[in-house]
Amino acid sequence: MIEDEEEPRLPVTAGLLSVFLPGTGQLLNGDVGRASLVFAVWSLALLTNLPPIWTFVCLYAGAEAFFTAKVRGME
């Protein structure tokens, strides 16, 4: 019963982690390859000083991690 109460928080946790540091939410979901790709794209955009791109990557990574965790929680 305790596990059922904590399950809905996992998608939010994954999403927030990825918004603040892209790739961490994907790692939490177990997607190491996707986490590496998202982090690499975000890092490259950050290093080349392209704020619109790294902002988009942060938002995309957060949404993707959230919805992946949510779908996996339904299975």
Protein backbone atom coordinates (compact mmCIF):
# COMPACT_ATOMS: atom_id res chain seq x y z
CA MET A 1 0.00 0.00 0.00
CA ILE A 2 2.86 2.41 0.73
CA GLU A 3 4.32 1.76 -2.73
CA ASP A 4 1.03 2.80 -4.36
CA GLU A 5 1.15 6.16 -2.59
CA GLU A 6 4.71 6.89 -3.76
CA GLU A 7 4.22 5.80 -7.38
CA PRO A 8 2.51 9.00 -8.66
CA ARG A 9 5.42 11.11 -7.44
CA LEU A 10 7.95 9.31 -9.63
CA PRO A 11 6.88 10.98 -12.93
CA VAL A 12 7.03 14.40 -11.30
CA THR A 13 10.45 13.62 -9.85
CA ALA A 14 11.77 12.42 -13.22
CA GLY A 15 10.37 15.46 -14.97
CA LEU A 16 11.76 17.97 -12.51
CA LEU A 17 15.17 16.33 -12.46
CA SER A 18 15.39 16.56 -16.23
CA VAL A 19 14.23 20.16 -16.34
CA PHE A 20 17.04 21.24 -14.03
CA LEU A 21 19.71 18.87 -15.38
CA PRO A 22 18.67 17.25 -18.66
CA GLY A 23 19.32 13.53 -18.71
CA THR A 24 18.87 12.83 -15.02
CA GLY A 25 15.17 12.05 -15.36
CA GLN A 26 15.96 9.66 -18.19
CA LEU A 27 18.54 7.98 -15.95
CA LEU A 28 15.92 7.63 -13.24
CA ASN A 29 13.69 5.92 -15.81
CA GLY A 30 16.53 3.58 -16.79
CA ASP A 31 17.14 5.02 -20.28
CA VAL A 32 20.92 5.41 -20.23
CA GLY A 33 21.31 5.92 -23.98
CA ARG A 34 18.63 8.59 -24.15
CA ALA A 35 20.05 10.27 -21.04
CA SER A 36 23.50 10.45 -22.66
CA LEU A 37 22.08 11.91 -25.87
CA VAL A 38 19.95 14.52 -24.10
CA PHE A 39 22.83 15.55 -21.84
CA ALA A 40 25.25 15.76 -24.78
CA VAL A 41 22.92 17.97 -26.85
CA TRP A 42 22.20 20.19 -23.84
CA SER A 43 25.91 20.49 -22.99
CA LEU A 44 26.82 21.36 -26.57
CA ALA A 45 24.11 24.03 -26.73
CA LEU A 46 25.23 25.40 -23.36
CA LEU A 47 28.90 25.51 -24.39
CA THR A 48 28.13 27.24 -27.69
CA ASN A 49 25.94 29.78 -25.86
CA LEU A 50 22.64 29.04 -27.60
CA PRO A 51 20.05 29.78 -24.87
CA PRO A 52 16.95 29.03 -26.98
CA ILE A 53 18.24 25.55 -27.81
CA TRP A 54 19.34 24.59 -24.30
CA THR A 55 16.08 25.94 -22.90
CA PHE A 56 14.14 23.83 -25.39
CA VAL A 57 16.23 20.77 -24.50
CA CYS A 58 15.51 21.31 -20.78
CA LEU A 59 11.78 21.53 -21.39
CA TYR A 60 11.75 18.60 -23.81
CA ALA A 61 13.80 16.41 -21.48
CA GLY A 62 11.52 17.21 -18.54
CA ALA A 63 8.35 16.43 -20.48
CA GLU A 64 9.80 13.26 -22.00
CA ALA A 65 11.01 11.94 -18.65
CA PHE A 66 7.67 12.74 -17.02
CA PHE A 67 5.57 11.00 -19.68
CA THR A 68 7.91 7.99 -19.91
CA ALA A 69 7.69 7.47 -16.14
CA LYS A 70 3.92 7.96 -16.24
CA VAL A 71 3.44 5.37 -19.00
CA ARG A 72 5.73 2.90 -17.26
CA GLY A 73 3.78 3.43 -14.04
CA MET A 74 0.55 2.46 -15.80
CA GLU A 75 1.96 -0.84 -17.04
